[in-house]
PDB file of N, CA and C in Angstrom:
ATOM      1  N   GLN A   1     -23.832  25.192  41.355  1.00  0.00           N
ATOM      2  CA  GLN A   1     -22.921  24.527  39.971  1.00  0.00           C
ATOM      3  C   GLN A   1     -21.528  24.967  39.581  1.00  0.00           C
ATOM      4  N   VAL A   2     -20.867  23.927  39.305  1.00  0.00           N
ATOM      5  CA  VAL A   2     -19.715  24.767  39.016  1.00  0.00           C
ATOM      6  C   VAL A   2     -19.808  24.253  37.613  1.00  0.00           C
ATOM      7  N   ASP A   3     -19.261  25.347  36.714  1.00  0.00           N
ATOM      8  CA  ASP A   3     -18.738  24.926  35.311  1.00  0.00           C
ATOM      9  C   ASP A   3     -17.180  24.358  34.888  1.00  0.00           C
ATOM     10  N   THR A   4     -18.069  22.842  34.351  1.00  0.00           N
ATOM     11  CA  THR A   4     -16.866  22.230  34.401  1.00  0.00           C
ATOM     12  C   THR A   4     -15.806  22.346  32.524  1.00  0.00           C
ATOM     13  N   GLY A   5     -16.777  23.141  32.110  1.00  0.00           N
ATOM     14  CA  GLY A   5     -16.223  23.807  30.599  1.00  0.00           C
ATOM     15  C   GLY A   5     -16.513  22.581  29.816  1.00  0.00           C
ATOM     16  N   THR A   6     -17.325  21.628  30.339  1.00  0.00           N
ATOM     17  CA  THR A   6     -17.393  20.064  29.232  1.00  0.00           C
ATOM     18  C   THR A   6     -18.951  20.214  28.881  1.00  0.00           C
ATOM     19  N   PHE A   7     -19.270  19.911  27.905  1.00  0.00           N
ATOM     20  CA  PHE A   7     -20.587  19.925  27.145  1.00  0.00           C
ATOM     21  C   PHE A   7     -20.517  19.224  25.948  1.00  0.00           C
ATOM     22  N   ILE A   8     -20.327  17.530  25.845  1.00  0.00           N
ATOM     23  CA  ILE A   8     -20.210  16.500  25.110  1.00  0.00           C
ATOM     24  C   ILE A   8     -21.861  16.117  24.276  1.00  0.00           C
ATOM     25  N   ASN A   9     -21.696  15.867  23.223  1.00  0.00           N
ATOM     26  CA  ASN A   9     -22.930  15.495  22.544  1.00  0.00           C
ATOM     27  C   ASN A   9     -23.961  15.980  22.257  1.00  0.00           C
ATOM     28  N   TYR A  10     -24.172  17.604  22.865  1.00  0.00           N
ATOM     29  CA  TYR A  10     -25.443  18.084  22.900  1.00  0.00           C
ATOM     30  C   TYR A  10     -25.953  18.230  21.816  1.00  0.00           C
ATOM     31  N   GLN A  11     -27.368  18.169  21.622  1.00  0.00           N
ATOM     32  CA  GLN A  11     -27.808  18.768  20.110  1.00  0.00           C
ATOM     33  C   GLN A  11     -29.551  19.494  20.792  1.00  0.00           C
ATOM     34  N   PHE A  12     -29.409  20.304  19.483  1.00  0.00           N
ATOM     35  CA  PHE A  12     -30.359  21.996  20.271  1.00  0.00           C
ATOM     36  C   PHE A  12     -31.393  20.551  20.072  1.00  0.00           C
ATOM     37  N   GLY A  13     -32.767  21.343  21.036  1.00  0.00           N
ATOM     38  CA  GLY A  13     -34.060  20.659  20.990  1.00  0.00           C
ATOM     39  C   GLY A  13     -34.008  19.521  22.045  1.00  0.00           C
ATOM     40  N   THR A  14     -32.755  19.206  22.400  1.00  0.00           N
ATOM     41  CA  THR A  14     -32.932  18.014  23.639  1.00  0.00           C
ATOM     42  C   THR A  14     -32.597  18.806  24.774  1.00  0.00           C
ATOM     43  N   ASP A  15     -33.523  17.951  25.741  1.00  0.00           N
ATOM     44  CA  ASP A  15     -33.595  18.077  27.509  1.00  0.00           C
ATOM     45  C   ASP A  15     -32.249  18.001  28.128  1.00  0.00           C
ATOM     46  N   TYR A  16     -31.590  17.545  27.495  1.00  0.00           N
ATOM     47  CA  TYR A  16     -29.892  17.138  27.426  1.00  0.00           C
ATOM     48  C   TYR A  16     -29.242  18.098  28.984  1.00  0.00           C
ATOM     49  N   ARG A  17     -29.160  17.445  30.104  1.00  0.00           N
ATOM     50  CA  ARG A  17     -28.249  18.131  31.180  1.00  0.00           C
ATOM     51  C   ARG A  17     -27.043  17.606  31.468  1.00  0.00           C
ATOM     52  N   PRO A  18     -25.955  18.377  31.389  1.00  0.00           N
ATOM     53  CA  PRO A  18     -24.657  17.237  31.735  1.00  0.00           C
ATOM     54  C   PRO A  18     -24.994  17.306  33.448  1.00  0.00           C
ATOM     55  N   PRO A  19     -24.322  16.071  33.488  1.00  0.00           N
ATOM     56  CA  PRO A  19     -24.426  15.770  35.207  1.00  0.00           C
ATOM     57  C   PRO A  19     -23.446  16.646  36.071  1.00  0.00           C
ATOM     58  N   LEU A  20     -24.410  16.420  37.061  1.00  0.00           N
ATOM     59  CA  LEU A  20     -23.626  17.702  38.061  1.00  0.00           C
ATOM     60  C   LEU A  20     -22.331  16.653  39.120  1.00  0.00           C
ATOM     61  N   THR A  21     -21.434  17.533  39.307  1.00  0.00           N
ATOM     62  CA  THR A  21     -20.454  16.442  39.961  1.00  0.00           C
ATOM     63  C   THR A  21     -19.969  17.331  41.389  1.00  0.00           C
ATOM     64  N   ALA A  22     -20.194  17.139  42.534  1.00  0.00           N
ATOM     65  CA  ALA A  22     -19.702  17.348  43.392  1.00  0.00           C
ATOM     66  C   ALA A  22     -18.331  17.943  43.929  1.00  0.00           C
ATOM     67  N   VAL A  23     -17.973  19.099  44.372  1.00  0.00           N
ATOM     68  CA  VAL A  23     -16.726  19.249  44.421  1.00  0.00           C
ATOM     69  C   VAL A  23     -16.166  20.248  45.866  1.00  0.00           C
ATOM     70  N   LYS A  24     -14.904  19.982  46.794  1.00  0.00           N
ATOM     71  CA  LYS A  24     -14.629  20.451  47.519  1.00  0.00           C
ATOM     72  C   LYS A  24     -14.227  21.715  47.596  1.00  0.00           C
ATOM     73  N   ILE A  25     -15.095  22.484  48.331  1.00  0.00           N
ATOM     74  CA  ILE A  25     -14.746  23.962  48.246  1.00  0.00           C
ATOM     75  C   ILE A  25     -14.363  24.174  49.753  1.00  0.00           C
ATOM     76  N   ASP A  26     -13.602  25.695  49.732  1.00  0.00           N
ATOM     77  CA  ASP A  26     -13.364  26.170  50.904  1.00  0.00           C
ATOM     78  C   ASP A  26     -14.471  27.309  50.888  1.00  0.00           C
ATOM     79  N   ILE A  27     -15.456  27.305  52.743  1.00  0.00           N
ATOM     80  CA  ILE A  27     -15.757  28.366  52.485  1.00  0.00           C
ATOM     81  C   ILE A  27     -15.808  29.202  53.995  1.00  0.00           C
ATOM     82  N   ASP A  28     -16.216  30.405  54.176  1.00  0.00           N
ATOM     83  CA  ASP A  28     -15.287  31.027  55.332  1.00  0.00           C
ATOM     84  C   ASP A  28     -17.476  31.768  55.735  1.00  0.00           C
ATOM     85  N   VAL A  29     -17.529  31.171  56.927  1.00  0.00           N
ATOM     86  CA  VAL A  29     -18.682  31.944  57.619  1.00  0.00           C
ATOM     87  C   VAL A  29     -18.415  33.322  58.354  1.00  0.00           C
ATOM     88  N   LYS A  30     -19.348  34.320  57.638  1.00  0.00           N
ATOM     89  CA  LYS A  30     -18.864  35.787  58.792  1.00  0.00           C
ATOM     90  C   LYS A  30     -17.422  35.926  58.767  1.00  0.00           C
ATOM     91  N   PRO A  31     -17.035  35.597  57.196  1.00  0.00           N
ATOM     92  CA  PRO A  31     -15.685  36.207  57.077  1.00  0.00           C
ATOM     93  C   PRO A  31     -14.885  37.136  57.625  1.00  0.00           C
ATOM     94  N   GLY A  32     -13.987  36.877  58.996  1.00  0.00           N
ATOM     95  CA  GLY A  32     -13.313  38.072  59.672  1.00  0.00           C
ATOM     96  C   GLY A  32     -13.949  38.242  61.300  1.00  0.00           C
ATOM     97  N   GLY A  33     -14.928  37.099  61.056  1.00  0.00           N
ATOM     98  CA  GLY A  33     -15.856  37.699  62.459  1.00  0.00           C
ATOM     99  C   GLY A  33     -15.548  36.226  63.582  1.00  0.00           C
ATOM    100  N   ASN A  34     -15.860  36.908  64.890  1.00  0.00           N
ATOM    101  CA  ASN A  34     -15.554  35.504  65.573  1.00  0.00           C
ATOM    102  C   ASN A  34     -16.535  36.110  66.721  1.00  0.00           C
ATOM    103  N   PRO A  35     -17.051  35.085  66.870  1.00  0.00           N
ATOM    104  CA  PRO A  35     -17.376  33.909  66.515  1.00  0.00           C
ATOM    105  C   PRO A  35     -17.974  33.563  65.351  1.00  0.00           C
ATOM    106  N   GLU A  36     -17.937  32.515  64.451  1.00  0.00           N
ATOM    107  CA  GLU A  36     -18.304  32.130  63.118  1.00  0.00           C
ATOM    108  C   GLU A  36     -19.761  31.393  63.532  1.00  0.00           C
ATOM    109  N   SER A  37     -20.762  32.536  64.289  1.00  0.00           N
ATOM    110  CA  SER A  37     -22.215  31.727  65.043  1.00  0.00           C
ATOM    111  C   SER A  37     -22.769  32.234  63.825  1.00  0.00           C
ATOM    112  N   ILE A  38     -24.083  31.238  63.924  1.00  0.00           N
ATOM    113  CA  ILE A  38     -25.346  32.354  63.074  1.00  0.00           C
ATOM    114  C   ILE A  38     -26.764  32.390  63.853  1.00  0.00           C
ATOM    115  N   ASN A  39     -27.090  33.679  64.264  1.00  0.00           N
ATOM    116  CA  ASN A  39     -28.571  33.806  65.377  1.00  0.00           C
ATOM    117  C   ASN A  39     -29.304  33.389  63.816  1.00  0.00           C
ATOM    118  N   LEU A  40     -30.271  32.767  64.079  1.00  0.00           N
ATOM    119  CA  LEU A  40     -31.323  32.335  62.998  1.00  0.00           C
ATOM    120  C   LEU A  40     -32.395  33.471  63.678  1.00  0.00           C
ATOM    121  N   ALA A  41     -32.419  34.028  64.773  1.00  0.00           N
ATOM    122  CA  ALA A  41     -33.753  34.986  64.947  1.00  0.00           C
ATOM    123  C   ALA A  41     -33.411  36.361  64.970  1.00  0.00           C
ATOM    124  N   SER A  42     -31.478  36.690  64.043  1.00  0.00           N
ATOM    125  CA  SER A  42     -31.704  38.479  64.147  1.00  0.00           C
ATOM    126  C   SER A  42     -32.602  39.248  62.507  1.00  0.00           C
ATOM    127  N   LYS A  43     -33.287  38.315  61.899  1.00  0.00           N
ATOM    128  CA  LYS A  43     -33.712  38.831  60.631  1.00  0.00           C
ATOM    129  C   LYS A  43     -32.820  39.974  60.121  1.00  0.00           C
ATOM    130  N   GLY A  44     -31.430  39.143  59.839  1.00  0.00           N
ATOM    131  CA  GLY A  44     -30.837  39.786  58.732  1.00  0.00           C
ATOM    132  C   GLY A  44     -30.070  39.063  58.059  1.00  0.00           C
ATOM    133  N   VAL A  45     -28.982  39.243  57.888  1.00  0.00           N
ATOM    134  CA  VAL A  45     -28.332  38.806  56.732  1.00  0.00           C
ATOM    135  C   VAL A  45     -27.141  37.896  57.231  1.00  0.00           C
ATOM    136  N   VAL A  46     -26.253  36.897  56.707  1.00  0.00           N
ATOM    137  CA  VAL A  46     -25.441  35.782  57.273  1.00  0.00           C
ATOM    138  C   VAL A  46     -24.375  35.835  55.950  1.00  0.00           C
ATOM    139  N   PRO A  47     -23.322  36.720  56.020  1.00  0.00           N
ATOM    140  CA  PRO A  47     -22.155  36.649  54.817  1.00  0.00           C
ATOM    141  C   PRO A  47     -21.684  35.246  54.813  1.00  0.00           C
ATOM    142  N   VAL A  48     -21.329  34.151  53.792  1.00  0.00           N
ATOM    143  CA  VAL A  48     -20.868  33.260  53.703  1.00  0.00           C
ATOM    144  C   VAL A  48     -19.968  33.412  52.385  1.00  0.00           C
ATOM    145  N   ALA A  49     -18.377  33.235  52.576  1.00  0.00           N
ATOM    146  CA  ALA A  49     -18.003  33.443  51.181  1.00  0.00           C
ATOM    147  C   ALA A  49     -17.265  31.783  50.920  1.00  0.00           C
ATOM    148  N   ILE A  50     -16.942  31.989  49.693  1.00  0.00           N
ATOM    149  CA  ILE A  50     -16.280  30.582  48.253  1.00  0.00           C
ATOM    150  C   ILE A  50     -15.384  31.138  48.630  1.00  0.00           C
ATOM    151  N   LEU A  51     -14.324  30.566  48.914  1.00  0.00           N
ATOM    152  CA  LEU A  51     -12.523  31.288  48.435  1.00  0.00           C
ATOM    153  C   LEU A  51     -12.606  30.856  47.468  1.00  0.00           C
ATOM    154  N   THR A  52     -11.325  31.048  46.454  1.00  0.00           N
ATOM    155  CA  THR A  52     -11.087  31.151  45.231  1.00  0.00           C
ATOM    156  C   THR A  52      -8.958  30.344  46.069  1.00  0.00           C
ATOM    157  N   THR A  53      -8.615  29.380  45.864  1.00  0.00           N
ATOM    158  CA  THR A  53      -7.473  28.367  46.691  1.00  0.00           C
ATOM    159  C   THR A  53      -7.095  28.213  45.290  1.00  0.00           C
ATOM    160  N   ASP A  54      -5.639  27.119  45.692  1.00  0.00           N
ATOM    161  CA  ASP A  54      -4.539  27.161  44.386  1.00  0.00           C
ATOM    162  C   ASP A  54      -5.476  26.129  43.367  1.00  0.00           C
ATOM    163  N   SER A  55      -6.427  25.071  44.159  1.00  0.00           N
ATOM    164  CA  SER A  55      -6.904  24.043  43.516  1.00  0.00           C
ATOM    165  C   SER A  55      -8.319  24.218  43.224  1.00  0.00           C
ATOM    166  N   PHE A  56      -9.128  25.620  43.225  1.00  0.00           N
ATOM    167  CA  PHE A  56     -10.716  26.184  43.180  1.00  0.00           C
ATOM    168  C   PHE A  56     -10.273  27.429  42.715  1.00  0.00           C
ATOM    169  N   ASP A  57     -11.188  27.805  41.520  1.00  0.00           N
ATOM    170  CA  ASP A  57     -11.328  28.958  41.161  1.00  0.00           C
ATOM    171  C   ASP A  57     -12.776  29.398  40.854  1.00  0.00           C
ATOM    172  N   VAL A  58     -13.092  30.453  41.471  1.00  0.00           N
ATOM    173  CA  VAL A  58     -14.409  31.007  41.833  1.00  0.00           C
ATOM    174  C   VAL A  58     -15.452  31.157  40.354  1.00  0.00           C
ATOM    175  N   ASP A  59     -14.676  31.842  39.714  1.00  0.00           N
ATOM    176  CA  ASP A  59     -14.893  32.229  38.676  1.00  0.00           C
ATOM    177  C   ASP A  59     -15.587  31.118  37.945  1.00  0.00           C
ATOM    178  N   LYS A  60     -15.455  29.529  38.268  1.00  0.00           N
ATOM    179  CA  LYS A  60     -16.696  28.556  37.652  1.00  0.00           C
ATOM    180  C   LYS A  60     -17.328  28.534  38.616  1.00  0.00           C
ATOM    181  N   VAL A  61     -18.135  28.673  39.641  1.00  0.00           N
ATOM    182  CA  VAL A  61     -19.362  29.077  40.313  1.00  0.00           C
ATOM    183  C   VAL A  61     -20.309  29.569  39.294  1.00  0.00           C
ATOM    184  N   LYS A  62     -21.196  29.537  38.934  1.00  0.00           N
ATOM    185  CA  LYS A  62     -22.855  30.280  38.722  1.00  0.00           C
ATOM    186  C   LYS A  62     -23.408  30.626  40.062  1.00  0.00           C
ATOM    187  N   PRO A  63     -23.111  31.943  40.057  1.00  0.00           N
ATOM    188  CA  PRO A  63     -23.605  32.321  41.831  1.00  0.00           C
ATOM    189  C   PRO A  63     -25.023  32.270  41.727  1.00  0.00           C
ATOM    190  N   ALA A  64     -26.179  32.402  40.300  1.00  0.00           N
ATOM    191  CA  ALA A  64     -27.756  32.066  40.848  1.00  0.00           C
ATOM    192  C   ALA A  64     -27.774  30.444  41.407  1.00  0.00           C
ATOM    193  N   THR A  65     -27.019  29.881  40.870  1.00  0.00           N
ATOM    194  CA  THR A  65     -27.347  28.514  41.659  1.00  0.00           C
ATOM    195  C   THR A  65     -26.544  28.140  43.133  1.00  0.00           C
ATOM    196  N   VAL A  66     -26.340  28.993  44.118  1.00  0.00           N
ATOM    197  CA  VAL A  66     -25.378  28.954  45.413  1.00  0.00           C
ATOM    198  C   VAL A  66     -26.257  28.832  46.412  1.00  0.00           C
ATOM    199  N   SER A  67     -27.043  28.443  47.043  1.00  0.00           N
ATOM    200  CA  SER A  67     -27.176  28.598  48.208  1.00  0.00           C
ATOM    201  C   SER A  67     -27.250  27.636  49.463  1.00  0.00           C
ATOM    202  N   PHE A  68     -27.388  27.909  50.873  1.00  0.00           N
ATOM    203  CA  PHE A  68     -26.667  27.797  52.283  1.00  0.00           C
ATOM    204  C   PHE A  68     -27.729  27.413  53.090  1.00  0.00           C
ATOM    205  N   ALA A  69     -27.707  26.367  53.572  1.00  0.00           N
ATOM    206  CA  ALA A  69     -28.348  25.608  54.421  1.00  0.00           C
ATOM    207  C   ALA A  69     -30.285  26.075  53.546  1.00  0.00           C
ATOM    208  N   GLY A  70     -30.299  26.028  52.291  1.00  0.00           N
ATOM    209  CA  GLY A  70     -31.614  25.352  51.402  1.00  0.00           C
ATOM    210  C   GLY A  70     -31.943  27.253  51.155  1.00  0.00           C
ATOM    211  N   ALA A  71     -31.246  28.267  51.830  1.00  0.00           N
ATOM    212  CA  ALA A  71     -31.364  29.255  50.968  1.00  0.00           C
ATOM    213  C   ALA A  71     -30.519  30.155  50.088  1.00  0.00           C
ATOM    214  N   THR A  72     -31.162  30.778  48.958  1.00  0.00           N
ATOM    215  CA  THR A  72     -30.696  31.043  47.771  1.00  0.00           C
ATOM    216  C   THR A  72     -30.273  32.749  48.873  1.00  0.00           C
ATOM    217  N   SER A  73     -29.034  33.251  47.894  1.00  0.00           N
ATOM    218  CA  SER A  73     -28.390  34.395  48.161  1.00  0.00           C
ATOM    219  C   SER A  73     -29.288  35.443  47.763  1.00  0.00           C
ATOM    220  N   VAL A  74     -29.204  36.592  48.517  1.00  0.00           N
ATOM    221  CA  VAL A  74     -29.495  38.126  48.369  1.00  0.00           C
ATOM    222  C   VAL A  74     -29.334  38.730  47.508  1.00  0.00           C
ATOM    223  N   ARG A  75     -27.783  38.764  47.724  1.00  0.00           N
ATOM    224  CA  ARG A  75     -26.516  39.620  46.992  1.00  0.00           C
ATOM    225  C   ARG A  75     -25.287  38.487  46.740  1.00  0.00           C
ATOM    226  N   TRP A  76     -24.832  39.148  45.888  1.00  0.00           N
ATOM    227  CA  TRP A  76     -22.988  38.434  45.948  1.00  0.00           C
ATOM    228  C   TRP A  76     -22.176  39.541  45.251  1.00  0.00           C
ATOM    229  N   THR A  77     -21.125  39.586  45.681  1.00  0.00           N
ATOM    230  CA  THR A  77     -20.383  40.292  45.263  1.00  0.00           C
ATOM    231  C   THR A  77     -18.959  39.248  45.238  1.00  0.00           C
ATOM    232  N   LYS A  78     -18.154  39.922  44.344  1.00  0.00           N
ATOM    233  CA  LYS A  78     -16.645  38.955  44.177  1.00  0.00           C
ATOM    234  C   LYS A  78     -15.549  40.398  45.066  1.00  0.00           C
ATOM    235  N   GLU A  79     -14.475  39.769  45.595  1.00  0.00           N
ATOM    236  CA  GLU A  79     -13.689  40.398  46.484  1.00  0.00           C
ATOM    237  C   GLU A  79     -12.805  39.651  47.095  1.00  0.00           C
ATOM    238  N   ASP A  80     -11.719  40.717  47.891  1.00  0.00           N
ATOM    239  CA  ASP A  80     -10.783  38.773  48.498  1.00  0.00           C
ATOM    240  C   ASP A  80     -10.905  39.493  49.644  1.00  0.00           C
ATOM    241  N   VAL A  81     -11.856  37.916  50.421  1.00  0.00           N
ATOM    242  CA  VAL A  81     -12.127  38.312  51.886  1.00  0.00           C
ATOM    243  C   VAL A  81     -11.264  37.844  52.767  1.00  0.00           C
ATOM    244  N   ASP A  82     -10.445  37.202  52.294  1.00  0.00           N
ATOM    245  CA  ASP A  82      -9.148  36.525  52.934  1.00  0.00           C
ATOM    246  C   ASP A  82      -7.720  37.017  52.521  1.00  0.00           C
ATOM    247  N   GLY A  83      -7.656  38.034  51.913  1.00  0.00           N
ATOM    248  CA  GLY A  83      -6.629  38.787  52.286  1.00  0.00           C
ATOM    249  C   GLY A  83      -5.331  38.493  50.943  1.00  0.00           C
ATOM    250  N   ASP A  84      -5.913  37.173  50.568  1.00  0.00           N
ATOM    251  CA  ASP A  84      -4.689  36.350  50.118  1.00  0.00           C
ATOM    252  C   ASP A  84      -4.336  37.400  48.612  1.00  0.00           C
ATOM    253  N   GLY A  85      -4.817  37.610  47.981  1.00  0.00           N
ATOM    254  CA  GLY A  85      -5.082  38.612  46.363  1.00  0.00           C
ATOM    255  C   GLY A  85      -5.972  37.832  45.899  1.00  0.00           C
ATOM    256  N   ASP A  86      -6.576  36.868  46.051  1.00  0.00           N
ATOM    257  CA  ASP A  86      -7.406  36.186  45.028  1.00  0.00           C
ATOM    258  C   ASP A  86      -8.708  36.711  45.080  1.00  0.00           C
ATOM    259  N   LEU A  87      -9.616  36.895  44.069  1.00  0.00           N
ATOM    260  CA  LEU A  87     -11.091  37.358  44.629  1.00  0.00           C
ATOM    261  C   LEU A  87     -11.902  35.952  44.944  1.00  0.00           C
ATOM    262  N   ASP A  88     -12.748  36.184  45.797  1.00  0.00           N
ATOM    263  CA  ASP A  88     -13.260  35.306  45.919  1.00  0.00           C
ATOM    264  C   ASP A  88     -15.055  35.695  46.129  1.00  0.00           C
ATOM    265  N   LEU A  89     -15.724  34.734  46.333  1.00  0.00           N
ATOM    266  CA  LEU A  89     -17.149  35.269  46.471  1.00  0.00           C
ATOM    267  C   LEU A  89     -17.918  35.348  47.381  1.00  0.00           C
ATOM    268  N   LEU A  90     -18.342  35.939  47.663  1.00  0.00           N
ATOM    269  CA  LEU A  90     -19.282  36.647  48.895  1.00  0.00           C
ATOM    270  C   LEU A  90     -20.605  36.680  49.106  1.00  0.00           C
ATOM    271  N   PHE A  91     -21.544  35.978  49.624  1.00  0.00           N
ATOM    272  CA  PHE A  91     -22.993  35.990  49.146  1.00  0.00           C
ATOM    273  C   PHE A  91     -23.243  36.295  50.378  1.00  0.00           C
ATOM    274  N   HIS A  92     -24.450  37.160  50.420  1.00  0.00           N
ATOM    275  CA  HIS A  92     -25.129  37.200  51.415  1.00  0.00           C
ATOM    276  C   HIS A  92     -26.674  36.189  51.559  1.00  0.00           C
ATOM    277  N   PHE A  93     -27.148  35.951  52.542  1.00  0.00           N
ATOM    278  CA  PHE A  93     -28.399  34.959  52.893  1.00  0.00           C
ATOM    279  C   PHE A  93     -29.053  35.820  54.061  1.00  0.00           C
ATOM    280  N   ASN A  94     -30.234  35.582  53.666  1.00  0.00           N
ATOM    281  CA  ASN A  94     -31.243  35.605  55.030  1.00  0.00           C
ATOM    282  C   ASN A  94     -31.050  34.932  55.949  1.00  0.00           C
ATOM    283  N   THR A  95     -31.315  35.530  57.602  1.00  0.00           N
ATOM    284  CA  THR A  95     -31.227  34.540  58.564  1.00  0.00           C
ATOM    285  C   THR A  95     -32.591  34.183  58.994  1.00  0.00           C
TER     286      THR A  95
END
């Protein structure tokens, strides 16, 4: 989920949830790796980064809501994975 910063007409005690909005983002599977293939039989983890760009700030991402192919992350960190000076979100998912 991405926090858009809008929360309109909320009344305490109601079950109102703001609508979710799809956002196009840049990701990097196995940052720095080549090829970017995933061995599902490895019983390890696969790193997947959500990249900060001019049009998207990863600070708006709620890490606990991120999944990849239906899997939730086992851990996440903020680091510059693409060398552009901006912090990105790096997640690790079980394979």
